[in-house]
N, C-alpha and C. Protein backbone atom coordinates (compact mmCIF):
# COMPACT_ATOMS: atom_id res chain seq x y z
N MET A 1 88.35 90.26 113.24
CA MET A 1 88.06 91.44 112.45
C MET A 1 88.19 91.09 110.97
N GLU A 2 87.16 91.48 110.20
CA GLU A 2 87.21 91.36 108.75
C GLU A 2 87.62 92.71 108.18
N ILE A 3 88.66 92.69 107.35
CA ILE A 3 89.16 93.91 106.74
C ILE A 3 89.01 93.77 105.23
N TYR A 4 88.29 94.71 104.64
CA TYR A 4 88.12 94.74 103.19
C TYR A 4 88.97 95.88 102.65
N ILE A 5 90.02 95.53 101.90
CA ILE A 5 90.90 96.54 101.34
C ILE A 5 90.53 96.70 99.87
N VAL A 6 90.26 97.94 99.48
CA VAL A 6 89.76 98.23 98.13
C VAL A 6 90.72 99.17 97.43
N ARG A 7 91.08 98.81 96.19
CA ARG A 7 91.83 99.75 95.37
C ARG A 7 90.83 100.64 94.65
N HIS A 8 91.12 101.91 94.55
CA HIS A 8 90.26 102.83 93.82
C HIS A 8 90.01 102.32 92.40
N THR A 9 89.01 102.86 91.76
CA THR A 9 88.66 102.45 90.39
C THR A 9 89.57 103.13 89.37
N GLN A 10 89.35 102.79 88.12
CA GLN A 10 90.15 103.29 87.00
C GLN A 10 90.27 104.81 87.01
N VAL A 11 91.48 105.30 86.72
CA VAL A 11 91.72 106.75 86.70
C VAL A 11 91.74 107.29 85.28
N ALA A 12 91.57 108.60 85.17
CA ALA A 12 91.59 109.29 83.87
C ALA A 12 93.01 109.80 83.60
N VAL A 13 93.93 108.87 83.56
CA VAL A 13 95.33 109.20 83.32
C VAL A 13 95.81 108.33 82.16
N GLU A 14 96.52 108.96 81.26
CA GLU A 14 97.06 108.23 80.12
C GLU A 14 97.96 107.10 80.61
N LYS A 15 97.84 105.94 79.99
CA LYS A 15 98.66 104.79 80.35
C LYS A 15 100.14 105.17 80.23
N GLY A 16 100.94 104.73 81.20
CA GLY A 16 102.37 105.00 81.17
C GLY A 16 102.80 106.23 81.93
N ILE A 17 101.85 106.91 82.59
CA ILE A 17 102.17 108.10 83.37
C ILE A 17 102.32 107.71 84.84
N CYS A 18 103.34 108.21 85.48
CA CYS A 18 103.58 107.98 86.91
C CYS A 18 102.74 109.00 87.67
N TYR A 19 101.80 108.54 88.50
CA TYR A 19 100.94 109.51 89.18
C TYR A 19 100.85 109.35 90.69
N GLY A 20 101.38 108.33 91.28
CA GLY A 20 101.47 108.15 92.73
C GLY A 20 100.54 108.97 93.59
N GLN A 21 101.05 110.01 94.25
CA GLN A 21 100.24 110.82 95.17
C GLN A 21 99.59 112.02 94.50
N SER A 22 99.71 112.14 93.19
CA SER A 22 99.00 113.23 92.50
C SER A 22 97.51 112.96 92.59
N ASP A 23 96.74 114.00 92.80
CA ASP A 23 95.29 113.83 92.96
C ASP A 23 94.63 113.86 91.58
N VAL A 24 94.64 112.72 90.92
CA VAL A 24 94.11 112.62 89.57
C VAL A 24 92.64 112.22 89.60
N ALA A 25 91.94 112.53 88.52
CA ALA A 25 90.51 112.23 88.42
C ALA A 25 90.28 110.76 88.10
N LEU A 26 89.07 110.32 88.39
CA LEU A 26 88.66 108.97 87.99
C LEU A 26 88.21 108.98 86.53
N ALA A 27 88.23 107.81 85.92
CA ALA A 27 87.79 107.66 84.54
C ALA A 27 86.31 108.02 84.42
N HIS A 28 85.88 108.33 83.20
CA HIS A 28 84.48 108.71 82.97
C HIS A 28 83.51 107.57 83.33
N THR A 29 84.01 106.36 83.47
CA THR A 29 83.18 105.20 83.83
C THR A 29 83.06 105.01 85.34
N PHE A 30 83.52 106.01 86.11
CA PHE A 30 83.61 105.81 87.56
C PHE A 30 82.29 105.45 88.23
N GLU A 31 81.17 105.99 87.78
CA GLU A 31 79.88 105.64 88.42
C GLU A 31 79.59 104.15 88.29
N ASP A 32 79.76 103.61 87.09
CA ASP A 32 79.56 102.17 86.88
C ASP A 32 80.61 101.36 87.62
N ASP A 33 81.86 101.83 87.57
CA ASP A 33 82.95 101.12 88.25
C ASP A 33 82.70 101.04 89.75
N ILE A 34 82.29 102.16 90.34
CA ILE A 34 82.03 102.20 91.78
C ILE A 34 80.85 101.31 92.14
N THR A 35 79.83 101.30 91.31
CA THR A 35 78.67 100.43 91.55
C THR A 35 79.09 98.97 91.60
N GLN A 36 79.98 98.57 90.70
CA GLN A 36 80.48 97.19 90.70
C GLN A 36 81.27 96.88 91.96
N VAL A 37 82.08 97.81 92.41
CA VAL A 37 82.86 97.59 93.64
C VAL A 37 81.93 97.43 94.83
N ILE A 38 80.93 98.27 94.92
CA ILE A 38 80.01 98.24 96.06
C ILE A 38 79.34 96.88 96.21
N THR A 39 79.07 96.20 95.10
CA THR A 39 78.43 94.87 95.17
C THR A 39 79.34 93.83 95.82
N LYS A 40 80.64 94.11 95.91
CA LYS A 40 81.60 93.16 96.50
C LYS A 40 81.83 93.42 97.99
N LEU A 41 81.18 94.45 98.53
CA LEU A 41 81.44 94.86 99.90
C LEU A 41 80.24 94.62 100.81
N PRO A 42 80.49 94.33 102.08
CA PRO A 42 79.39 94.19 103.03
C PRO A 42 78.77 95.56 103.32
N THR A 43 77.52 95.55 103.72
CA THR A 43 76.85 96.81 104.05
C THR A 43 76.88 97.08 105.55
N ASP A 44 77.17 96.07 106.34
CA ASP A 44 77.16 96.20 107.80
C ASP A 44 78.57 96.38 108.36
N VAL A 45 79.22 97.47 107.96
CA VAL A 45 80.58 97.72 108.43
C VAL A 45 80.57 98.69 109.60
N ASP A 46 81.60 98.59 110.41
CA ASP A 46 81.71 99.44 111.59
C ASP A 46 82.42 100.76 111.29
N ILE A 47 83.39 100.69 110.37
CA ILE A 47 84.17 101.89 110.09
C ILE A 47 84.75 101.80 108.68
N ILE A 48 84.89 102.97 108.06
CA ILE A 48 85.49 103.06 106.73
C ILE A 48 86.64 104.05 106.81
N PHE A 49 87.79 103.63 106.27
CA PHE A 49 88.95 104.50 106.16
C PHE A 49 89.25 104.70 104.69
N SER A 50 89.76 105.87 104.35
CA SER A 50 90.10 106.17 102.96
C SER A 50 91.39 106.96 102.89
N SER A 51 92.11 106.74 101.81
CA SER A 51 93.20 107.65 101.46
C SER A 51 92.55 109.02 101.25
N PRO A 52 93.26 110.11 101.53
CA PRO A 52 92.68 111.44 101.33
C PRO A 52 92.62 111.89 99.87
N LEU A 53 93.10 111.08 98.93
CA LEU A 53 93.02 111.47 97.53
C LEU A 53 91.61 111.26 97.01
N SER A 54 91.15 112.15 96.15
CA SER A 54 89.75 112.12 95.69
C SER A 54 89.38 110.82 95.00
N ARG A 55 90.32 110.16 94.34
CA ARG A 55 89.99 108.91 93.65
C ARG A 55 89.58 107.82 94.62
N CYS A 56 89.94 107.97 95.89
CA CYS A 56 89.51 107.02 96.93
C CYS A 56 88.28 107.56 97.68
N MET A 57 88.31 108.85 97.99
CA MET A 57 87.21 109.43 98.78
C MET A 57 85.87 109.38 98.04
N LEU A 58 85.88 109.42 96.72
CA LEU A 58 84.61 109.33 95.98
C LEU A 58 83.89 108.01 96.27
N LEU A 59 84.65 106.94 96.36
CA LEU A 59 84.05 105.65 96.72
C LEU A 59 83.60 105.66 98.18
N ALA A 60 84.43 106.19 99.07
CA ALA A 60 84.06 106.25 100.48
C ALA A 60 82.75 107.01 100.66
N GLU A 61 82.60 108.12 99.94
CA GLU A 61 81.37 108.92 100.03
C GLU A 61 80.15 108.18 99.51
N LYS A 62 80.35 107.30 98.53
CA LYS A 62 79.22 106.49 98.02
C LYS A 62 78.80 105.44 99.04
N LEU A 63 79.75 105.00 99.87
CA LEU A 63 79.44 103.97 100.87
C LEU A 63 78.80 104.55 102.12
N SER A 64 79.24 105.75 102.51
CA SER A 64 78.75 106.33 103.75
C SER A 64 79.16 107.79 103.85
N THR A 65 78.39 108.55 104.61
CA THR A 65 78.80 109.92 104.90
C THR A 65 79.78 109.93 106.07
N GLN A 66 79.88 108.80 106.73
CA GLN A 66 80.78 108.66 107.89
C GLN A 66 82.00 107.83 107.51
N TYR A 67 83.12 108.49 107.25
CA TYR A 67 84.37 107.79 106.98
C TYR A 67 85.51 108.68 107.44
N SER A 68 86.66 108.08 107.63
CA SER A 68 87.84 108.82 108.07
C SER A 68 88.93 108.72 107.01
N THR A 69 89.62 109.81 106.77
CA THR A 69 90.77 109.76 105.87
C THR A 69 92.03 109.59 106.72
N ASP A 70 93.03 108.98 106.10
CA ASP A 70 94.29 108.76 106.81
C ASP A 70 95.43 108.85 105.81
N ASN A 71 96.37 109.74 106.05
CA ASN A 71 97.50 109.93 105.13
C ASN A 71 98.39 108.70 105.01
N ARG A 72 98.32 107.80 105.98
CA ARG A 72 99.14 106.59 105.91
C ARG A 72 98.65 105.65 104.80
N LEU A 73 97.46 105.92 104.26
CA LEU A 73 96.90 105.10 103.19
C LEU A 73 97.20 105.66 101.80
N LEU A 74 98.01 106.72 101.73
CA LEU A 74 98.38 107.31 100.44
C LEU A 74 99.26 106.36 99.63
N GLU A 75 99.19 106.51 98.32
CA GLU A 75 100.07 105.76 97.41
C GLU A 75 101.49 106.27 97.58
N CYS A 76 102.43 105.63 96.94
CA CYS A 76 103.83 106.04 96.96
C CYS A 76 103.98 107.47 96.46
N ASN A 77 104.82 108.22 97.14
CA ASN A 77 105.17 109.56 96.68
C ASN A 77 106.35 109.40 95.72
N PHE A 78 106.11 109.62 94.43
CA PHE A 78 107.15 109.49 93.43
C PHE A 78 107.94 110.79 93.23
N GLY A 79 107.70 111.78 94.07
CA GLY A 79 108.50 112.99 94.05
C GLY A 79 108.54 113.66 92.69
N ASP A 80 109.76 113.87 92.17
CA ASP A 80 109.96 114.57 90.91
C ASP A 80 109.39 113.82 89.70
N TRP A 81 109.06 112.56 89.89
CA TRP A 81 108.53 111.76 88.77
C TRP A 81 107.02 111.89 88.61
N GLU A 82 106.34 112.49 89.58
CA GLU A 82 104.88 112.60 89.53
C GLU A 82 104.43 113.27 88.23
N LEU A 83 103.47 112.64 87.57
CA LEU A 83 102.82 113.10 86.34
C LEU A 83 103.77 113.18 85.14
N ILE A 84 104.83 112.40 85.20
CA ILE A 84 105.77 112.28 84.07
C ILE A 84 105.62 110.87 83.50
N ALA A 85 105.75 110.74 82.20
CA ALA A 85 105.71 109.41 81.58
C ALA A 85 106.91 108.60 82.09
N TRP A 86 106.66 107.34 82.43
CA TRP A 86 107.75 106.48 82.88
C TRP A 86 108.89 106.48 81.87
N ASN A 87 108.56 106.51 80.59
CA ASN A 87 109.58 106.50 79.54
C ASN A 87 110.42 107.79 79.51
N ASP A 88 109.93 108.85 80.12
CA ASP A 88 110.66 110.13 80.14
C ASP A 88 111.51 110.34 81.39
N ILE A 89 111.42 109.41 82.32
CA ILE A 89 112.24 109.50 83.53
C ILE A 89 113.66 109.09 83.14
N PRO A 90 114.66 109.88 83.55
CA PRO A 90 116.04 109.54 83.19
C PRO A 90 116.37 108.08 83.54
N ARG A 91 116.89 107.37 82.58
CA ARG A 91 117.16 105.93 82.70
C ARG A 91 118.02 105.61 83.92
N ASN A 92 119.05 106.42 84.19
CA ASN A 92 119.93 106.14 85.32
C ASN A 92 119.18 106.23 86.66
N GLN A 93 118.24 107.20 86.77
CA GLN A 93 117.44 107.32 87.99
C GLN A 93 116.49 106.13 88.14
N LEU A 94 115.84 105.78 87.04
CA LEU A 94 114.89 104.67 87.06
C LEU A 94 115.59 103.36 87.40
N ASP A 95 116.77 103.13 86.81
CA ASP A 95 117.52 101.90 87.08
C ASP A 95 117.97 101.83 88.54
N LYS A 96 118.45 102.96 89.07
CA LYS A 96 118.90 102.98 90.47
C LYS A 96 117.74 102.61 91.39
N TRP A 97 116.59 103.21 91.16
CA TRP A 97 115.40 102.91 91.97
C TRP A 97 114.94 101.48 91.73
N GLY A 98 114.87 101.07 90.49
CA GLY A 98 114.37 99.74 90.15
C GLY A 98 115.22 98.61 90.68
N ASN A 99 116.52 98.85 90.84
CA ASN A 99 117.41 97.81 91.35
C ASN A 99 117.30 97.62 92.86
N ASP A 100 116.72 98.58 93.55
CA ASP A 100 116.54 98.47 95.01
C ASP A 100 115.41 99.38 95.47
N PHE A 101 114.20 99.16 94.94
CA PHE A 101 113.07 100.03 95.28
C PHE A 101 112.65 99.95 96.74
N VAL A 102 113.10 98.90 97.45
CA VAL A 102 112.79 98.82 98.87
C VAL A 102 113.49 99.96 99.61
N ASN A 103 114.73 100.24 99.24
CA ASN A 103 115.53 101.24 99.96
C ASN A 103 115.76 102.54 99.21
N GLN A 104 115.68 102.51 97.89
CA GLN A 104 115.95 103.71 97.08
C GLN A 104 114.69 104.55 96.91
N LYS A 105 114.89 105.86 96.90
CA LYS A 105 113.78 106.79 96.72
C LYS A 105 113.89 107.43 95.34
N PRO A 106 112.76 107.65 94.67
CA PRO A 106 112.80 108.54 93.52
C PRO A 106 113.21 109.93 94.03
N PRO A 107 113.80 110.78 93.21
CA PRO A 107 114.19 112.11 93.68
C PRO A 107 113.00 112.83 94.36
N ASN A 108 113.19 113.21 95.63
CA ASN A 108 112.18 113.90 96.44
C ASN A 108 110.94 113.04 96.70
N GLY A 109 111.08 111.72 96.57
CA GLY A 109 109.98 110.80 96.82
C GLY A 109 110.26 109.93 98.03
N GLU A 110 109.62 108.76 98.05
CA GLU A 110 109.82 107.85 99.18
C GLU A 110 110.11 106.44 98.68
N ALA A 111 110.87 105.71 99.49
CA ALA A 111 111.20 104.32 99.19
C ALA A 111 110.09 103.41 99.71
N LEU A 112 110.07 102.20 99.21
CA LEU A 112 109.06 101.23 99.65
C LEU A 112 109.13 101.00 101.15
N LYS A 113 110.33 101.00 101.72
CA LYS A 113 110.45 100.79 103.17
C LYS A 113 109.73 101.90 103.95
N ASP A 114 109.70 103.12 103.39
CA ASP A 114 109.00 104.23 104.03
C ASP A 114 107.48 104.02 103.99
N ILE A 115 107.00 103.59 102.83
CA ILE A 115 105.57 103.32 102.69
C ILE A 115 105.18 102.17 103.62
N HIS A 116 106.00 101.13 103.61
CA HIS A 116 105.76 99.96 104.45
C HIS A 116 105.64 100.38 105.92
N LYS A 117 106.54 101.23 106.37
CA LYS A 117 106.52 101.67 107.77
C LYS A 117 105.21 102.38 108.11
N ARG A 118 104.76 103.29 107.24
CA ARG A 118 103.52 104.02 107.56
C ARG A 118 102.28 103.13 107.48
N VAL A 119 102.27 102.17 106.54
CA VAL A 119 101.12 101.26 106.42
C VAL A 119 101.07 100.29 107.60
N ILE A 120 102.22 99.77 108.01
CA ILE A 120 102.25 98.88 109.18
C ILE A 120 101.81 99.63 110.42
N ASN A 121 102.20 100.89 110.55
CA ASN A 121 101.75 101.72 111.66
C ASN A 121 100.22 101.85 111.64
N PHE A 122 99.65 102.04 110.45
CA PHE A 122 98.19 102.11 110.32
C PHE A 122 97.57 100.78 110.74
N ILE A 123 98.12 99.66 110.26
CA ILE A 123 97.57 98.33 110.60
C ILE A 123 97.61 98.10 112.10
N GLU A 124 98.72 98.45 112.73
CA GLU A 124 98.83 98.28 114.19
C GLU A 124 97.77 99.10 114.92
N ASP A 125 97.53 100.32 114.48
CA ASP A 125 96.48 101.14 115.09
C ASP A 125 95.11 100.56 114.80
N LEU A 126 94.89 100.07 113.60
CA LEU A 126 93.60 99.50 113.21
C LEU A 126 93.24 98.31 114.09
N ILE A 127 94.21 97.47 114.35
CA ILE A 127 93.96 96.25 115.13
C ILE A 127 93.52 96.58 116.55
N LYS A 128 93.86 97.76 117.04
CA LYS A 128 93.46 98.18 118.38
C LYS A 128 91.97 98.53 118.46
N HIS A 129 91.33 98.79 117.29
CA HIS A 129 89.91 99.11 117.27
C HIS A 129 89.09 97.87 117.64
N ASP A 130 88.06 98.08 118.40
CA ASP A 130 87.16 96.98 118.76
C ASP A 130 85.99 96.96 117.79
N VAL A 131 86.25 96.49 116.57
CA VAL A 131 85.23 96.45 115.52
C VAL A 131 85.28 95.10 114.81
N ASP A 132 84.19 94.77 114.14
CA ASP A 132 84.12 93.50 113.42
C ASP A 132 84.47 93.63 111.95
N LYS A 133 83.95 94.69 111.29
CA LYS A 133 84.17 94.83 109.85
C LYS A 133 84.65 96.24 109.51
N VAL A 134 85.69 96.28 108.68
CA VAL A 134 86.31 97.54 108.28
C VAL A 134 86.50 97.54 106.77
N ILE A 135 86.26 98.69 106.16
CA ILE A 135 86.59 98.88 104.74
C ILE A 135 87.68 99.93 104.66
N ILE A 136 88.70 99.63 103.86
CA ILE A 136 89.81 100.55 103.64
C ILE A 136 89.91 100.79 102.14
N ILE A 137 89.80 102.05 101.74
CA ILE A 137 89.87 102.40 100.32
C ILE A 137 91.20 103.09 100.09
N THR A 138 91.99 102.49 99.20
CA THR A 138 93.37 102.93 99.08
C THR A 138 93.93 102.68 97.68
N HIS A 139 95.21 102.41 97.60
CA HIS A 139 95.94 102.32 96.34
C HIS A 139 96.65 100.97 96.22
N ALA A 140 97.17 100.69 95.04
CA ALA A 140 97.77 99.39 94.75
C ALA A 140 98.93 99.05 95.69
N THR A 141 99.85 99.96 95.91
CA THR A 141 101.00 99.65 96.76
C THR A 141 100.56 99.36 98.19
N VAL A 142 99.63 100.14 98.70
CA VAL A 142 99.14 99.94 100.06
C VAL A 142 98.43 98.59 100.16
N LEU A 143 97.61 98.27 99.20
CA LEU A 143 96.93 96.97 99.19
C LEU A 143 97.95 95.84 99.19
N ARG A 144 99.00 95.98 98.40
CA ARG A 144 100.06 94.96 98.36
C ARG A 144 100.75 94.81 99.72
N ILE A 145 100.94 95.92 100.43
CA ILE A 145 101.58 95.85 101.74
C ILE A 145 100.67 95.15 102.75
N PHE A 146 99.37 95.37 102.69
CA PHE A 146 98.44 94.60 103.53
C PHE A 146 98.61 93.12 103.24
N HIS A 147 98.64 92.76 101.97
CA HIS A 147 98.83 91.36 101.58
C HIS A 147 100.15 90.83 102.12
N GLN A 148 101.20 91.61 101.95
CA GLN A 148 102.53 91.23 102.41
C GLN A 148 102.52 90.99 103.92
N HIS A 149 101.88 91.88 104.65
CA HIS A 149 101.88 91.79 106.11
C HIS A 149 101.08 90.58 106.61
N PHE A 150 99.86 90.43 106.14
CA PHE A 150 99.00 89.36 106.66
C PHE A 150 99.33 87.99 106.09
N ASN A 151 99.97 87.94 104.92
CA ASN A 151 100.30 86.65 104.31
C ASN A 151 101.79 86.37 104.31
N LYS A 152 102.55 87.20 105.02
CA LYS A 152 104.00 87.00 105.16
C LYS A 152 104.70 86.87 103.82
N TYR A 153 104.31 87.74 102.89
CA TYR A 153 104.89 87.75 101.55
C TYR A 153 106.14 88.62 101.59
N PRO A 154 107.22 88.25 100.89
CA PRO A 154 108.45 89.06 100.91
C PRO A 154 108.22 90.47 100.35
N LEU A 155 108.65 91.47 101.09
CA LEU A 155 108.44 92.86 100.69
C LEU A 155 109.05 93.14 99.32
N GLU A 156 110.22 92.61 99.05
CA GLU A 156 110.90 92.89 97.79
C GLU A 156 110.20 92.26 96.58
N LYS A 157 109.17 91.44 96.83
CA LYS A 157 108.45 90.79 95.73
C LYS A 157 107.01 91.28 95.58
N ILE A 158 106.63 92.33 96.32
CA ILE A 158 105.22 92.71 96.29
C ILE A 158 104.74 93.23 94.94
N PHE A 159 105.65 93.73 94.12
CA PHE A 159 105.21 94.21 92.81
C PHE A 159 104.93 93.07 91.83
N ASN A 160 105.20 91.85 92.27
CA ASN A 160 104.79 90.68 91.48
C ASN A 160 103.29 90.41 91.66
N LEU A 161 102.69 90.99 92.68
CA LEU A 161 101.26 90.82 92.95
C LEU A 161 100.47 91.76 92.05
N LYS A 162 99.62 91.19 91.21
CA LYS A 162 98.79 92.00 90.33
C LYS A 162 97.61 92.54 91.13
N VAL A 163 97.37 93.84 91.00
CA VAL A 163 96.26 94.49 91.71
C VAL A 163 95.47 95.30 90.69
N ASP A 164 94.22 94.91 90.46
CA ASP A 164 93.38 95.60 89.49
C ASP A 164 92.69 96.81 90.10
N TYR A 165 92.28 97.72 89.24
CA TYR A 165 91.44 98.83 89.69
C TYR A 165 90.14 98.24 90.24
N GLY A 166 89.68 98.77 91.35
CA GLY A 166 88.44 98.30 91.94
C GLY A 166 88.53 96.95 92.62
N GLU A 167 89.73 96.43 92.77
CA GLU A 167 89.90 95.11 93.40
C GLU A 167 89.58 95.20 94.89
N VAL A 168 88.94 94.15 95.40
CA VAL A 168 88.61 94.05 96.82
C VAL A 168 89.31 92.81 97.36
N VAL A 169 90.07 92.99 98.42
CA VAL A 169 90.75 91.88 99.08
C VAL A 169 90.24 91.83 100.52
N LYS A 170 89.81 90.64 100.91
CA LYS A 170 89.32 90.44 102.28
C LYS A 170 90.40 89.77 103.11
N VAL A 171 90.67 90.37 104.27
CA VAL A 171 91.65 89.83 105.21
C VAL A 171 90.93 89.59 106.53
N ILE A 172 91.19 88.44 107.13
CA ILE A 172 90.65 88.16 108.45
C ILE A 172 91.80 88.28 109.43
N ASN A 173 91.64 89.16 110.41
CA ASN A 173 92.66 89.30 111.44
C ASN A 173 92.09 88.76 112.74
N THR A 174 92.76 87.76 113.29
CA THR A 174 92.30 87.17 114.54
C THR A 174 93.05 87.72 115.75
N LYS A 175 93.82 88.77 115.53
CA LYS A 175 94.63 89.44 116.57
C LYS A 175 95.58 88.48 117.12
């Protein structure tokens, strides 16, 4: 199975804002950005999955009218930090989370271990499908977890992996 994992394109959010699961708009360049992403993807895919956030579904809709959304592909839920500037988050909360983001949750949010669990559950279900090519449109953290899972990368180091807007990563799963 060939799996193409795509991060959504550039968003219309001021740099430095925490937006995780907030349904934010794409940048005004989204038509051009999406066109560039499409050139990196195969056209003969069996199934397309998307995060249910509009910044991902817009690309899914450009690829096909037939796609499925899955909540397990959502970005991290930053809880009380959503749509707040990172610099405005209380330092003690940010430090507590930053020192152990695998296990610590932002207030009313989720820890990396929680995201990891739901994404691995999605991957396990995906592998059960009898298909050759799959496109998954999602977010940076989810893309990093795919990389971590298939390349045996340490979970606590996944934020060292740079993930650009519109990035496409191809994974081959031989089951």
